[in-house]
């Protein structure tokens, strides 16, 4: 699983490749799968230069639910995600 730390970002972007999950978790290891404890509505803020791939199953398995483009935000019912 990817490391998740509380974020202190102001939302203006600081040049780092990160994804913010539910306004509270900062994902900086984009090549590692991040998984929620269960499938649920998850808010993603992709502040990276890479697409972020959202999956229906645990450990980045199952159907690809969405691809979140760099610099965009979206909410999806999903379980896990990884940088593309």
N, C-alpha and C. Protein backbone atom coordinates (compact mmCIF):
# COMPACT_ATOMS: atom_id res chain seq x y z
N UNK A 1 0.83 -1.19 0.00
CA UNK A 1 0.00 0.00 0.00
C UNK A 1 0.87 1.24 0.00
N UNK A 2 0.36 2.27 -0.60
CA UNK A 2 1.07 3.54 -0.65
C UNK A 2 1.01 4.24 0.70
N UNK A 3 2.02 5.01 0.99
CA UNK A 3 2.04 5.78 2.23
C UNK A 3 0.98 6.87 2.16
N UNK A 4 0.30 7.07 3.25
CA UNK A 4 -0.72 8.12 3.31
C UNK A 4 -0.47 8.94 4.56
N UNK A 5 -0.28 10.23 4.38
CA UNK A 5 0.01 11.13 5.49
C UNK A 5 -1.00 12.26 5.51
N UNK A 6 -1.27 12.83 6.67
CA UNK A 6 -2.13 14.01 6.70
C UNK A 6 -1.53 15.10 5.83
N UNK A 7 -2.36 15.84 5.17
CA UNK A 7 -1.86 16.86 4.27
C UNK A 7 -1.95 18.25 4.88
N UNK A 8 -0.98 19.05 4.57
CA UNK A 8 -1.01 20.44 4.98
C UNK A 8 -1.12 21.35 3.77
N UNK A 9 -1.40 20.76 2.63
CA UNK A 9 -1.47 21.53 1.39
C UNK A 9 -2.63 22.50 1.41
N UNK A 10 -2.43 23.64 0.82
CA UNK A 10 -3.47 24.67 0.80
C UNK A 10 -4.39 24.55 -0.40
N UNK A 11 -4.09 23.62 -1.31
CA UNK A 11 -4.91 23.45 -2.50
C UNK A 11 -4.40 24.22 -3.70
N UNK A 12 -3.32 24.96 -3.53
CA UNK A 12 -2.79 25.75 -4.63
C UNK A 12 -1.77 24.99 -5.45
N UNK A 13 -1.30 23.85 -4.95
CA UNK A 13 -0.30 23.06 -5.66
C UNK A 13 1.09 23.56 -5.35
N UNK A 14 1.99 22.62 -5.07
CA UNK A 14 3.35 23.01 -4.72
C UNK A 14 4.38 22.31 -5.60
N UNK A 15 3.94 21.76 -6.74
CA UNK A 15 4.87 21.15 -7.67
C UNK A 15 5.17 19.68 -7.42
N UNK A 16 4.68 19.12 -6.33
CA UNK A 16 4.93 17.70 -6.05
C UNK A 16 3.90 16.84 -6.77
N UNK A 17 4.28 15.60 -7.11
CA UNK A 17 3.34 14.63 -7.67
C UNK A 17 2.62 13.94 -6.52
N UNK A 18 1.41 14.41 -6.23
CA UNK A 18 0.62 13.84 -5.14
C UNK A 18 -0.85 13.74 -5.56
N UNK A 19 -1.56 12.87 -4.84
CA UNK A 19 -3.01 12.79 -4.94
C UNK A 19 -3.55 12.93 -3.53
N UNK A 20 -4.59 13.74 -3.37
CA UNK A 20 -5.23 13.94 -2.08
C UNK A 20 -6.50 13.09 -2.07
N UNK A 21 -6.66 12.28 -1.03
CA UNK A 21 -7.82 11.40 -0.87
C UNK A 21 -8.70 11.97 0.23
N UNK A 22 -9.97 12.22 -0.08
CA UNK A 22 -10.96 12.69 0.90
C UNK A 22 -10.51 13.91 1.70
N UNK A 23 -9.71 14.77 1.09
CA UNK A 23 -9.21 16.00 1.73
C UNK A 23 -8.38 15.75 2.97
N UNK A 24 -7.95 14.49 3.22
CA UNK A 24 -7.20 14.22 4.44
C UNK A 24 -5.93 13.41 4.23
N UNK A 25 -5.85 12.59 3.19
CA UNK A 25 -4.68 11.74 2.97
C UNK A 25 -3.90 12.23 1.76
N UNK A 26 -2.59 12.26 1.89
CA UNK A 26 -1.72 12.68 0.80
C UNK A 26 -0.95 11.47 0.30
N UNK A 27 -1.18 11.09 -0.96
CA UNK A 27 -0.50 9.95 -1.57
C UNK A 27 0.64 10.49 -2.42
N UNK A 28 1.87 10.12 -2.07
CA UNK A 28 3.02 10.61 -2.82
C UNK A 28 3.74 9.49 -3.56
N UNK A 29 3.49 8.26 -3.19
CA UNK A 29 4.11 7.12 -3.87
C UNK A 29 3.13 6.62 -4.93
N UNK A 30 3.11 7.31 -6.06
CA UNK A 30 2.11 7.10 -7.10
C UNK A 30 2.19 5.72 -7.75
N UNK A 31 3.34 5.05 -7.68
CA UNK A 31 3.50 3.75 -8.33
C UNK A 31 3.02 2.60 -7.46
N UNK A 32 2.59 2.89 -6.24
CA UNK A 32 2.08 1.87 -5.34
C UNK A 32 0.57 1.99 -5.22
N UNK A 33 -0.10 0.85 -5.12
CA UNK A 33 -1.55 0.83 -5.01
C UNK A 33 -1.99 1.35 -3.64
N UNK A 34 -2.95 2.26 -3.64
CA UNK A 34 -3.59 2.72 -2.40
C UNK A 34 -4.95 2.05 -2.32
N UNK A 35 -5.28 1.48 -1.15
CA UNK A 35 -6.58 0.82 -0.97
C UNK A 35 -7.29 1.36 0.24
N UNK A 36 -8.59 1.59 0.07
CA UNK A 36 -9.46 1.94 1.19
C UNK A 36 -9.74 0.64 1.95
N UNK A 37 -10.36 0.72 3.08
CA UNK A 37 -10.71 -0.49 3.83
C UNK A 37 -11.87 -1.25 3.21
N UNK A 38 -12.62 -0.58 2.32
CA UNK A 38 -13.80 -1.17 1.68
C UNK A 38 -14.22 -0.27 0.52
N UNK A 39 -15.06 -0.78 -0.35
CA UNK A 39 -15.57 0.03 -1.47
C UNK A 39 -16.50 1.11 -0.91
N UNK A 40 -16.32 2.36 -1.38
CA UNK A 40 -17.11 3.48 -0.88
C UNK A 40 -16.93 4.68 -1.81
N UNK A 41 -17.68 5.75 -1.57
CA UNK A 41 -17.49 7.01 -2.30
C UNK A 41 -16.17 7.62 -1.84
N UNK A 42 -15.28 7.88 -2.78
CA UNK A 42 -13.95 8.43 -2.46
C UNK A 42 -13.72 9.67 -3.31
N UNK A 43 -13.27 10.74 -2.67
CA UNK A 43 -12.94 11.97 -3.39
C UNK A 43 -11.44 11.97 -3.69
N UNK A 44 -11.10 12.20 -4.95
CA UNK A 44 -9.72 12.24 -5.41
C UNK A 44 -9.39 13.63 -5.95
N UNK A 45 -8.24 14.17 -5.54
CA UNK A 45 -7.71 15.41 -6.11
C UNK A 45 -6.34 15.07 -6.69
N UNK A 46 -6.25 14.98 -8.00
CA UNK A 46 -5.01 14.59 -8.64
C UNK A 46 -4.16 15.82 -8.91
N UNK A 47 -3.17 16.05 -8.05
CA UNK A 47 -2.27 17.20 -8.19
C UNK A 47 -0.95 16.79 -8.84
N UNK A 48 -0.94 15.63 -9.47
CA UNK A 48 0.28 15.14 -10.11
C UNK A 48 0.26 15.43 -11.61
N UNK A 49 1.32 15.01 -12.28
CA UNK A 49 1.41 15.13 -13.73
C UNK A 49 1.01 13.84 -14.41
N UNK A 50 0.58 12.84 -13.63
CA UNK A 50 0.21 11.53 -14.16
C UNK A 50 -1.28 11.27 -13.95
N UNK A 51 -1.89 10.46 -14.81
CA UNK A 51 -3.28 10.06 -14.55
C UNK A 51 -3.33 9.16 -13.32
N UNK A 52 -4.47 9.13 -12.65
CA UNK A 52 -4.66 8.28 -11.47
C UNK A 52 -5.79 7.32 -11.79
N UNK A 53 -5.50 6.02 -11.74
CA UNK A 53 -6.43 4.97 -12.15
C UNK A 53 -7.19 4.45 -10.94
N UNK A 54 -8.51 4.45 -11.01
CA UNK A 54 -9.39 4.09 -9.90
C UNK A 54 -10.06 2.75 -10.20
N UNK A 55 -10.00 1.81 -9.23
CA UNK A 55 -10.50 0.44 -9.44
C UNK A 55 -11.63 0.08 -8.47
N UNK A 56 -12.46 -0.87 -8.93
CA UNK A 56 -13.60 -1.32 -8.13
C UNK A 56 -13.19 -2.32 -7.05
N UNK A 57 -12.06 -3.00 -7.21
CA UNK A 57 -11.63 -4.03 -6.27
C UNK A 57 -10.46 -3.60 -5.40
N UNK A 58 -10.21 -4.40 -4.38
CA UNK A 58 -9.10 -4.18 -3.46
C UNK A 58 -7.77 -4.42 -4.18
N UNK A 59 -6.73 -3.75 -3.79
CA UNK A 59 -5.37 -3.91 -4.32
C UNK A 59 -5.30 -3.66 -5.82
N UNK A 60 -6.05 -2.67 -6.30
CA UNK A 60 -6.03 -2.24 -7.71
C UNK A 60 -6.39 -3.38 -8.67
N UNK A 61 -7.43 -4.12 -8.30
CA UNK A 61 -7.96 -5.19 -9.12
C UNK A 61 -9.41 -4.87 -9.48
N UNK A 62 -10.01 -5.72 -10.27
CA UNK A 62 -11.40 -5.51 -10.66
C UNK A 62 -11.49 -4.55 -11.83
N UNK A 63 -12.67 -4.03 -12.03
CA UNK A 63 -12.92 -3.11 -13.14
C UNK A 63 -12.26 -1.76 -12.91
N UNK A 64 -11.77 -1.17 -13.99
CA UNK A 64 -11.27 0.20 -13.95
C UNK A 64 -12.50 1.10 -13.91
N UNK A 65 -12.68 1.81 -12.81
CA UNK A 65 -13.85 2.68 -12.61
C UNK A 65 -13.66 4.00 -13.33
N UNK A 66 -12.46 4.57 -13.24
CA UNK A 66 -12.22 5.89 -13.82
C UNK A 66 -10.73 6.14 -13.96
N UNK A 67 -10.41 7.07 -14.83
CA UNK A 67 -9.07 7.62 -14.94
C UNK A 67 -9.18 9.11 -14.64
N UNK A 68 -8.51 9.53 -13.57
CA UNK A 68 -8.57 10.93 -13.17
C UNK A 68 -7.37 11.66 -13.79
N UNK A 69 -7.67 12.58 -14.66
CA UNK A 69 -6.63 13.31 -15.38
C UNK A 69 -5.81 14.19 -14.42
N UNK A 70 -4.55 14.44 -14.77
CA UNK A 70 -3.73 15.33 -13.95
C UNK A 70 -4.40 16.70 -13.77
N UNK A 71 -4.33 17.21 -12.55
CA UNK A 71 -4.87 18.53 -12.26
C UNK A 71 -6.37 18.60 -12.10
N UNK A 72 -7.04 17.44 -12.00
CA UNK A 72 -8.50 17.44 -11.85
C UNK A 72 -8.91 16.74 -10.56
N UNK A 73 -10.17 16.92 -10.17
CA UNK A 73 -10.75 16.29 -8.99
C UNK A 73 -12.03 15.58 -9.39
N UNK A 74 -12.34 14.49 -8.67
CA UNK A 74 -13.56 13.75 -8.94
C UNK A 74 -13.87 12.84 -7.76
N UNK A 75 -15.12 12.42 -7.66
CA UNK A 75 -15.55 11.48 -6.63
C UNK A 75 -16.13 10.26 -7.31
N UNK A 76 -15.70 9.07 -6.87
CA UNK A 76 -16.17 7.81 -7.46
C UNK A 76 -16.41 6.79 -6.36
N UNK A 77 -17.34 5.86 -6.62
CA UNK A 77 -17.52 4.70 -5.75
C UNK A 77 -16.46 3.71 -6.18
N UNK A 78 -15.49 3.45 -5.31
CA UNK A 78 -14.34 2.63 -5.66
C UNK A 78 -13.72 2.03 -4.41
N UNK A 79 -12.62 1.29 -4.60
CA UNK A 79 -11.93 0.64 -3.49
C UNK A 79 -10.45 1.00 -3.46
N UNK A 80 -9.82 1.14 -4.64
CA UNK A 80 -8.37 1.35 -4.67
C UNK A 80 -7.97 2.16 -5.90
N UNK A 81 -6.71 2.62 -5.92
CA UNK A 81 -6.23 3.43 -7.03
C UNK A 81 -4.71 3.41 -7.09
N UNK A 82 -4.19 3.76 -8.29
CA UNK A 82 -2.74 3.79 -8.51
C UNK A 82 -2.43 4.78 -9.63
N UNK A 83 -1.23 5.33 -9.59
CA UNK A 83 -0.80 6.24 -10.65
C UNK A 83 -0.59 5.49 -11.96
N UNK A 84 -0.96 6.12 -13.05
CA UNK A 84 -0.84 5.50 -14.38
C UNK A 84 0.46 5.83 -15.05
